């Protein structure tokens, strides 16, 4: 996805399909952005699920960031989520939403 400052971000969540209550691997890779900090904020699209934000760590001096996270279970079974990738360049913070579904 292209950022307003001309950079690009690729974001992934593994494994697929995305499970609840199990470890998830988050990864964000950037091109030409000057990223200082990356966080991913998970929120329910149709239901409040509580605060769930994870800071990704820079991988060995590169423009790749990674972390582990997990999602809570929803009593309705199926849940639509929004993972907002928050990118801090030191000059601006970009919020990039990605939507996905967990459950049956």
N, C-alpha and C. Protein backbone atom coordinates (compact mmCIF):
# COMPACT_ATOMS: atom_id res chain seq x y z
N UNK A 1 0.84 -1.17 0.00
CA UNK A 1 0.00 0.00 0.00
C UNK A 1 0.89 1.24 0.00
N UNK A 2 0.51 2.23 -0.77
CA UNK A 2 1.29 3.47 -0.88
C UNK A 2 0.91 4.42 0.26
N UNK A 3 1.92 5.06 0.84
CA UNK A 3 1.72 6.03 1.91
C UNK A 3 1.70 7.45 1.33
N UNK A 4 1.07 8.41 2.05
CA UNK A 4 1.01 9.79 1.57
C UNK A 4 2.38 10.44 1.34
N UNK A 5 3.42 9.97 2.05
CA UNK A 5 4.76 10.56 1.88
C UNK A 5 5.54 9.92 0.73
N UNK A 6 4.89 9.04 -0.04
CA UNK A 6 5.55 8.40 -1.18
C UNK A 6 6.14 7.04 -0.87
N UNK A 7 6.22 6.68 0.41
CA UNK A 7 6.73 5.36 0.78
C UNK A 7 5.69 4.28 0.56
N UNK A 8 6.09 3.04 0.82
CA UNK A 8 5.18 1.92 0.68
C UNK A 8 5.27 1.03 1.90
N UNK A 9 4.15 0.36 2.24
CA UNK A 9 4.12 -0.60 3.33
C UNK A 9 3.47 -1.89 2.85
N UNK A 10 4.04 -3.01 3.30
CA UNK A 10 3.43 -4.32 3.13
C UNK A 10 3.22 -4.86 4.53
N UNK A 11 1.99 -5.32 4.83
CA UNK A 11 1.65 -5.80 6.17
C UNK A 11 1.08 -7.20 6.05
N UNK A 12 1.51 -8.09 6.97
CA UNK A 12 0.97 -9.45 6.96
C UNK A 12 0.71 -9.94 8.37
N UNK A 13 -0.28 -10.81 8.47
CA UNK A 13 -0.61 -11.52 9.71
C UNK A 13 -0.60 -13.01 9.36
N UNK A 14 0.13 -13.80 10.13
CA UNK A 14 0.18 -15.25 9.94
C UNK A 14 -0.14 -15.92 11.26
N UNK A 15 -0.71 -17.12 11.27
CA UNK A 15 -1.06 -17.97 10.15
C UNK A 15 -2.38 -17.56 9.51
N UNK A 16 -2.70 -18.21 8.42
CA UNK A 16 -3.97 -18.02 7.72
C UNK A 16 -4.70 -19.34 7.71
N UNK A 17 -5.99 -19.42 7.90
CA UNK A 17 -6.83 -18.32 8.34
C UNK A 17 -6.39 -17.83 9.72
N UNK A 18 -6.72 -16.59 10.03
CA UNK A 18 -6.29 -15.96 11.27
C UNK A 18 -7.09 -16.54 12.44
N UNK A 19 -6.42 -17.19 13.40
CA UNK A 19 -7.11 -17.80 14.54
C UNK A 19 -7.26 -16.81 15.71
N UNK A 20 -8.14 -17.16 16.65
CA UNK A 20 -8.25 -16.41 17.90
C UNK A 20 -7.56 -17.22 19.00
N UNK A 21 -7.14 -16.54 20.06
CA UNK A 21 -6.51 -17.15 21.22
C UNK A 21 -5.25 -17.95 20.90
N UNK A 22 -4.62 -17.66 19.78
CA UNK A 22 -3.37 -18.33 19.41
C UNK A 22 -2.38 -17.27 18.96
N UNK A 23 -1.08 -17.56 19.07
CA UNK A 23 -0.07 -16.57 18.67
C UNK A 23 -0.16 -16.22 17.18
N UNK A 24 -0.09 -14.93 16.91
CA UNK A 24 -0.06 -14.41 15.55
C UNK A 24 1.30 -13.77 15.31
N UNK A 25 1.80 -13.87 14.11
CA UNK A 25 3.04 -13.21 13.73
C UNK A 25 2.69 -12.02 12.84
N UNK A 26 3.03 -10.83 13.31
CA UNK A 26 2.78 -9.60 12.56
C UNK A 26 4.07 -9.16 11.90
N UNK A 27 3.97 -8.71 10.66
CA UNK A 27 5.16 -8.21 9.98
C UNK A 27 4.79 -7.04 9.09
N UNK A 28 5.60 -5.98 9.14
CA UNK A 28 5.42 -4.81 8.28
C UNK A 28 6.76 -4.49 7.65
N UNK A 29 6.76 -4.31 6.34
CA UNK A 29 7.97 -3.95 5.59
C UNK A 29 7.73 -2.63 4.89
N UNK A 30 8.75 -1.78 4.88
CA UNK A 30 8.61 -0.43 4.33
C UNK A 30 9.65 -0.15 3.27
N UNK A 31 9.30 0.73 2.34
CA UNK A 31 10.24 1.23 1.34
C UNK A 31 10.18 2.76 1.36
N UNK A 32 11.33 3.39 1.54
CA UNK A 32 11.47 4.85 1.44
C UNK A 32 10.53 5.63 2.34
N UNK A 33 10.54 5.31 3.64
CA UNK A 33 9.63 6.01 4.54
C UNK A 33 10.30 6.68 5.73
N UNK A 34 11.47 6.22 6.17
CA UNK A 34 12.09 6.78 7.37
C UNK A 34 11.29 6.46 8.62
N UNK A 35 10.83 5.23 8.76
CA UNK A 35 9.98 4.82 9.87
C UNK A 35 10.76 4.78 11.18
N UNK A 36 10.17 5.35 12.23
CA UNK A 36 10.77 5.30 13.57
C UNK A 36 10.10 4.25 14.45
N UNK A 37 8.76 4.16 14.35
CA UNK A 37 8.02 3.27 15.23
C UNK A 37 6.80 2.74 14.48
N UNK A 38 6.45 1.46 14.76
CA UNK A 38 5.27 0.84 14.15
C UNK A 38 4.48 0.14 15.24
N UNK A 39 3.18 0.40 15.27
CA UNK A 39 2.27 -0.30 16.17
C UNK A 39 1.09 -0.80 15.35
N UNK A 40 0.46 -1.87 15.85
CA UNK A 40 -0.76 -2.38 15.23
C UNK A 40 -1.84 -2.39 16.29
N UNK A 41 -2.94 -1.70 16.00
CA UNK A 41 -4.07 -1.60 16.92
C UNK A 41 -5.21 -2.46 16.35
N UNK A 42 -5.63 -3.47 17.12
CA UNK A 42 -6.73 -4.34 16.70
C UNK A 42 -8.02 -3.85 17.35
N UNK A 43 -9.07 -3.72 16.55
CA UNK A 43 -10.37 -3.35 17.10
C UNK A 43 -11.45 -4.11 16.34
N UNK A 44 -12.54 -4.41 17.05
CA UNK A 44 -13.68 -5.04 16.41
C UNK A 44 -14.40 -4.02 15.54
N UNK A 45 -14.76 -4.41 14.32
CA UNK A 45 -15.46 -3.47 13.42
C UNK A 45 -16.88 -3.20 13.88
N UNK A 46 -17.53 -4.19 14.51
CA UNK A 46 -18.93 -4.04 14.91
C UNK A 46 -19.14 -4.20 16.41
N UNK A 47 -18.08 -4.52 17.15
CA UNK A 47 -18.22 -4.76 18.59
C UNK A 47 -16.93 -4.35 19.29
N UNK A 48 -17.04 -3.65 20.40
CA UNK A 48 -15.85 -3.28 21.17
C UNK A 48 -15.26 -4.53 21.81
N UNK A 49 -13.95 -4.69 21.63
CA UNK A 49 -13.28 -5.88 22.16
C UNK A 49 -12.15 -5.52 23.13
N UNK A 50 -12.08 -4.28 23.56
CA UNK A 50 -11.05 -3.87 24.50
C UNK A 50 -9.77 -3.43 23.80
N UNK A 51 -8.88 -2.82 24.57
CA UNK A 51 -7.61 -2.30 24.05
C UNK A 51 -6.70 -3.45 23.66
N UNK A 52 -6.18 -3.42 22.45
CA UNK A 52 -5.29 -4.48 21.97
C UNK A 52 -4.31 -3.86 20.96
N UNK A 53 -3.22 -3.31 21.46
CA UNK A 53 -2.23 -2.66 20.60
C UNK A 53 -0.86 -3.29 20.86
N UNK A 54 -0.15 -3.58 19.78
CA UNK A 54 1.16 -4.22 19.85
C UNK A 54 2.20 -3.36 19.13
N UNK A 55 3.35 -3.16 19.78
CA UNK A 55 4.44 -2.44 19.12
C UNK A 55 5.33 -3.45 18.41
N UNK A 56 5.62 -3.20 17.14
CA UNK A 56 6.50 -4.05 16.36
C UNK A 56 7.94 -3.58 16.54
N UNK A 57 8.86 -4.53 16.54
CA UNK A 57 10.28 -4.23 16.73
C UNK A 57 11.01 -4.25 15.39
N UNK A 58 11.91 -3.28 15.21
CA UNK A 58 12.72 -3.23 13.99
C UNK A 58 13.61 -4.48 13.93
N UNK A 59 13.70 -5.09 12.77
CA UNK A 59 14.50 -6.29 12.57
C UNK A 59 15.88 -5.93 12.03
N UNK A 60 16.90 -6.13 12.84
CA UNK A 60 18.32 -5.92 12.51
C UNK A 60 18.62 -4.76 11.57
N UNK A 61 18.24 -3.55 11.96
CA UNK A 61 18.59 -2.35 11.23
C UNK A 61 17.93 -2.18 9.88
N UNK A 62 16.96 -3.02 9.56
CA UNK A 62 16.29 -2.93 8.26
C UNK A 62 15.02 -2.10 8.38
N UNK A 63 14.26 -2.06 7.31
CA UNK A 63 12.94 -1.42 7.34
C UNK A 63 11.84 -2.46 7.48
N UNK A 64 12.16 -3.55 8.19
CA UNK A 64 11.18 -4.60 8.51
C UNK A 64 10.94 -4.58 10.01
N UNK A 65 9.68 -4.69 10.39
CA UNK A 65 9.28 -4.69 11.79
C UNK A 65 8.44 -5.93 12.03
N UNK A 66 8.56 -6.54 13.23
CA UNK A 66 7.80 -7.76 13.51
C UNK A 66 7.46 -7.84 14.99
N UNK A 67 6.41 -8.60 15.29
CA UNK A 67 6.00 -8.85 16.68
C UNK A 67 5.01 -10.00 16.69
N UNK A 68 4.76 -10.51 17.90
CA UNK A 68 3.72 -11.51 18.11
C UNK A 68 2.54 -10.82 18.78
N UNK A 69 1.35 -11.32 18.51
CA UNK A 69 0.13 -10.77 19.11
C UNK A 69 -0.90 -11.90 19.18
N UNK A 70 -2.06 -11.61 19.76
CA UNK A 70 -3.17 -12.57 19.74
C UNK A 70 -4.47 -11.80 19.79
N UNK A 71 -5.53 -12.48 19.38
CA UNK A 71 -6.87 -11.88 19.38
C UNK A 71 -7.75 -12.62 20.36
N UNK A 72 -8.64 -11.90 21.06
CA UNK A 72 -9.58 -12.57 21.95
C UNK A 72 -10.68 -13.26 21.14
N UNK A 73 -11.36 -14.18 21.79
CA UNK A 73 -12.48 -14.87 21.15
C UNK A 73 -13.73 -14.01 21.29
N UNK A 74 -14.59 -14.06 20.29
CA UNK A 74 -15.86 -13.33 20.32
C UNK A 74 -16.98 -14.34 20.55
N UNK A 75 -17.91 -14.03 21.45
CA UNK A 75 -18.98 -14.97 21.78
C UNK A 75 -19.93 -15.23 20.62
N UNK A 76 -19.95 -14.35 19.63
CA UNK A 76 -20.83 -14.54 18.48
C UNK A 76 -20.26 -15.55 17.48
N UNK A 77 -19.00 -15.93 17.64
CA UNK A 77 -18.37 -16.90 16.74
C UNK A 77 -17.58 -16.26 15.63
N UNK A 78 -18.23 -15.47 14.80
CA UNK A 78 -17.56 -14.79 13.69
C UNK A 78 -17.37 -13.33 14.06
N UNK A 79 -16.20 -12.79 13.73
CA UNK A 79 -15.91 -11.41 14.10
C UNK A 79 -15.17 -10.72 12.97
N UNK A 80 -15.60 -9.51 12.63
CA UNK A 80 -14.86 -8.69 11.67
C UNK A 80 -13.95 -7.77 12.46
N UNK A 81 -12.67 -7.77 12.10
CA UNK A 81 -11.65 -6.99 12.78
C UNK A 81 -11.06 -5.94 11.85
N UNK A 82 -10.50 -4.90 12.49
CA UNK A 82 -9.70 -3.93 11.76
C UNK A 82 -8.35 -3.86 12.46
N UNK A 83 -7.29 -4.14 11.72
CA UNK A 83 -5.93 -3.98 12.21
C UNK A 83 -5.43 -2.66 11.63
N UNK A 84 -5.26 -1.66 12.49
CA UNK A 84 -4.76 -0.37 12.02
C UNK A 84 -3.26 -0.31 12.27
N UNK A 85 -2.50 -0.23 11.20
CA UNK A 85 -1.05 -0.13 11.30
C UNK A 85 -0.72 1.35 11.47
N UNK A 86 -0.11 1.69 12.62
CA UNK A 86 0.26 3.07 12.95
C UNK A 86 1.75 3.25 12.67
N UNK A 87 2.07 4.08 11.71
CA UNK A 87 3.44 4.28 11.26
C UNK A 87 3.90 5.68 11.66
N UNK A 88 4.92 5.75 12.52
CA UNK A 88 5.47 7.03 12.99
C UNK A 88 6.79 7.28 12.27
N UNK A 89 6.83 8.35 11.46
CA UNK A 89 8.05 8.69 10.72
C UNK A 89 8.85 9.78 11.43
N UNK A 90 8.34 10.29 12.55
CA UNK A 90 8.99 11.41 13.22
C UNK A 90 8.46 12.74 12.74
N UNK A 91 7.92 12.77 11.53
CA UNK A 91 7.31 13.98 10.97
C UNK A 91 5.80 13.86 10.89
N UNK A 92 5.32 12.62 10.81
CA UNK A 92 3.88 12.37 10.70
C UNK A 92 3.59 10.96 11.20
N UNK A 93 2.34 10.73 11.58
CA UNK A 93 1.87 9.39 11.93
C UNK A 93 0.79 9.03 10.93
N UNK A 94 0.99 7.91 10.25
CA UNK A 94 0.01 7.41 9.29
C UNK A 94 -0.74 6.24 9.90
N UNK A 95 -2.05 6.20 9.71
CA UNK A 95 -2.90 5.11 10.19
C UNK A 95 -3.46 4.39 8.97
N UNK A 96 -3.07 3.12 8.81
CA UNK A 96 -3.47 2.34 7.63
C UNK A 96 -4.33 1.17 8.09
N UNK A 97 -5.63 1.17 7.73
CA UNK A 97 -6.52 0.10 8.17
C UNK A 97 -6.50 -1.12 7.24
N UNK A 98 -6.53 -2.30 7.86
CA UNK A 98 -6.66 -3.57 7.15
C UNK A 98 -7.79 -4.33 7.83
N UNK A 99 -8.75 -4.85 7.07
CA UNK A 99 -9.89 -5.58 7.65
C UNK A 99 -9.77 -7.07 7.34
N UNK A 100 -10.25 -7.87 8.31
CA UNK A 100 -10.27 -9.32 8.13
C UNK A 100 -11.33 -9.91 9.06
N UNK A 101 -11.64 -11.20 8.86
CA UNK A 101 -12.68 -11.89 9.62
C UNK A 101 -12.07 -13.12 10.29
N UNK A 102 -12.49 -13.38 11.55
CA UNK A 102 -12.12 -14.61 12.24
C UNK A 102 -13.39 -15.36 12.58
N UNK A 103 -13.25 -16.64 12.86
CA UNK A 103 -14.42 -17.45 13.25
C UNK A 103 -14.89 -18.34 12.14
N UNK A 104 -16.13 -18.84 12.30
CA UNK A 104 -16.65 -19.83 11.34
C UNK A 104 -16.99 -19.18 10.04
